[in-house]
Amino acid sequence: SCKTTTEEQRTTSWMPFKSLSDGLNVETDLTIEGLPRPKRVFFILNKK
């Protein structure tokens, strides 16, 4: 896993609502609630 960046989760013309940067504390690596910032994880599943 790796940390989700503000480039991945940003405000756009299609999604003008709050973005990741609105929920991060700029002084720490935590959310404004004090939780760890979101992580991005990829799963590859194979049907047997």
N, C-alpha and C. Protein backbone atom coordinates (compact mmCIF):
# COMPACT_ATOMS: atom_id res chain seq x y z
N SER A 1 0.84 -1.18 0.00
CA SER A 1 0.00 0.00 0.00
C SER A 1 0.88 1.24 0.00
N CYS A 2 0.31 2.33 -0.42
CA CYS A 2 1.02 3.62 -0.38
C CYS A 2 0.01 4.71 -0.10
N LYS A 3 0.49 5.83 0.38
CA LYS A 3 -0.39 6.94 0.75
C LYS A 3 -1.05 7.53 -0.49
N THR A 4 -2.34 7.81 -0.38
CA THR A 4 -3.06 8.50 -1.44
C THR A 4 -2.61 9.95 -1.46
N THR A 5 -2.34 10.47 -2.65
CA THR A 5 -1.85 11.84 -2.76
C THR A 5 -2.98 12.80 -3.09
N THR A 6 -2.73 14.07 -2.88
CA THR A 6 -3.73 15.09 -3.20
C THR A 6 -3.87 15.26 -4.71
N GLU A 7 -2.91 14.78 -5.49
CA GLU A 7 -3.04 14.81 -6.95
C GLU A 7 -4.07 13.78 -7.42
N GLU A 8 -4.16 12.66 -6.70
CA GLU A 8 -5.13 11.61 -7.05
C GLU A 8 -6.54 11.98 -6.62
N GLN A 9 -6.66 12.62 -5.48
CA GLN A 9 -7.95 12.97 -4.90
C GLN A 9 -8.07 14.48 -4.82
N ARG A 10 -8.41 15.10 -5.92
CA ARG A 10 -8.46 16.56 -5.97
C ARG A 10 -9.81 17.02 -6.52
N THR A 11 -10.11 18.26 -6.32
CA THR A 11 -11.32 18.85 -6.87
C THR A 11 -11.14 19.05 -8.37
N THR A 12 -12.16 18.71 -9.15
CA THR A 12 -12.13 18.91 -10.60
C THR A 12 -13.47 19.51 -11.02
N SER A 13 -13.60 19.84 -12.29
CA SER A 13 -14.87 20.37 -12.78
C SER A 13 -15.97 19.31 -12.70
N TRP A 14 -15.61 18.03 -12.77
CA TRP A 14 -16.59 16.95 -12.66
C TRP A 14 -16.93 16.63 -11.21
N MET A 15 -16.02 16.94 -10.30
CA MET A 15 -16.21 16.65 -8.88
C MET A 15 -15.80 17.89 -8.09
N PRO A 16 -16.68 18.89 -8.02
CA PRO A 16 -16.32 20.17 -7.39
C PRO A 16 -16.44 20.17 -5.86
N PHE A 17 -16.68 19.02 -5.26
CA PHE A 17 -16.88 18.96 -3.81
C PHE A 17 -15.55 18.93 -3.08
N LYS A 18 -15.58 18.75 -1.79
CA LYS A 18 -14.35 18.73 -0.99
C LYS A 18 -13.43 17.61 -1.45
N SER A 19 -12.13 17.88 -1.36
CA SER A 19 -11.14 16.91 -1.80
C SER A 19 -10.30 16.44 -0.62
N LEU A 20 -9.34 15.58 -0.89
CA LEU A 20 -8.47 15.04 0.16
C LEU A 20 -7.75 16.15 0.91
N SER A 21 -7.29 17.16 0.21
CA SER A 21 -6.54 18.24 0.87
C SER A 21 -7.40 18.98 1.90
N ASP A 22 -8.72 18.99 1.72
CA ASP A 22 -9.61 19.62 2.70
C ASP A 22 -9.67 18.83 4.01
N GLY A 23 -9.35 17.55 3.96
CA GLY A 23 -9.44 16.71 5.14
C GLY A 23 -8.12 16.39 5.80
N LEU A 24 -7.01 16.96 5.29
CA LEU A 24 -5.70 16.69 5.86
C LEU A 24 -5.21 17.85 6.71
N ASN A 25 -4.54 17.54 7.78
CA ASN A 25 -3.89 18.54 8.61
C ASN A 25 -2.55 18.86 7.95
N VAL A 26 -2.31 20.11 7.61
CA VAL A 26 -1.09 20.48 6.88
C VAL A 26 0.17 20.38 7.74
N GLU A 27 0.03 20.36 9.06
CA GLU A 27 1.19 20.30 9.95
C GLU A 27 1.61 18.88 10.29
N THR A 28 0.71 17.92 10.10
CA THR A 28 1.02 16.52 10.40
C THR A 28 0.68 15.67 9.19
N ASP A 29 0.93 14.38 9.29
CA ASP A 29 0.58 13.47 8.20
C ASP A 29 -0.72 12.75 8.54
N LEU A 30 -1.64 13.48 9.21
CA LEU A 30 -2.90 12.90 9.67
C LEU A 30 -4.08 13.65 9.06
N THR A 31 -5.26 13.05 9.17
CA THR A 31 -6.48 13.74 8.76
C THR A 31 -6.84 14.78 9.82
N ILE A 32 -7.82 15.62 9.53
CA ILE A 32 -8.23 16.63 10.50
C ILE A 32 -8.87 15.99 11.73
N GLU A 33 -9.28 14.71 11.61
CA GLU A 33 -9.81 13.97 12.76
C GLU A 33 -8.70 13.32 13.58
N GLY A 34 -7.45 13.40 13.11
CA GLY A 34 -6.34 12.79 13.82
C GLY A 34 -6.04 11.36 13.42
N LEU A 35 -6.66 10.89 12.35
CA LEU A 35 -6.45 9.52 11.87
C LEU A 35 -5.37 9.50 10.80
N PRO A 36 -4.76 8.33 10.55
CA PRO A 36 -3.77 8.25 9.47
C PRO A 36 -4.41 8.59 8.12
N ARG A 37 -3.65 9.21 7.24
CA ARG A 37 -4.20 9.56 5.93
C ARG A 37 -4.53 8.30 5.14
N PRO A 38 -5.46 8.37 4.18
CA PRO A 38 -5.87 7.19 3.41
C PRO A 38 -4.70 6.58 2.65
N LYS A 39 -4.78 5.27 2.48
CA LYS A 39 -3.79 4.55 1.68
C LYS A 39 -4.48 3.93 0.48
N ARG A 40 -3.71 3.75 -0.56
CA ARG A 40 -4.20 3.13 -1.79
C ARG A 40 -3.69 1.69 -1.80
N VAL A 41 -4.59 0.76 -2.05
CA VAL A 41 -4.23 -0.65 -2.08
C VAL A 41 -4.84 -1.27 -3.33
N PHE A 42 -4.07 -2.13 -3.98
CA PHE A 42 -4.56 -2.86 -5.15
C PHE A 42 -4.64 -4.34 -4.80
N PHE A 43 -5.71 -4.96 -5.20
CA PHE A 43 -5.88 -6.40 -5.00
C PHE A 43 -6.02 -7.05 -6.36
N ILE A 44 -5.34 -8.14 -6.56
CA ILE A 44 -5.50 -8.94 -7.77
C ILE A 44 -6.05 -10.29 -7.33
N LEU A 45 -7.23 -10.61 -7.81
CA LEU A 45 -7.90 -11.84 -7.42
C LEU A 45 -7.98 -12.78 -8.61
N ASN A 46 -7.83 -14.04 -8.34
CA ASN A 46 -7.97 -15.06 -9.37
C ASN A 46 -9.04 -16.05 -8.94
N LYS A 47 -9.95 -16.33 -9.84
CA LYS A 47 -10.99 -17.31 -9.55
C LYS A 47 -10.44 -18.70 -9.83
N LYS A 48 -10.62 -19.59 -8.87
CA LYS A 48 -10.12 -20.97 -9.05
C LYS A 48 -11.23 -21.89 -9.46
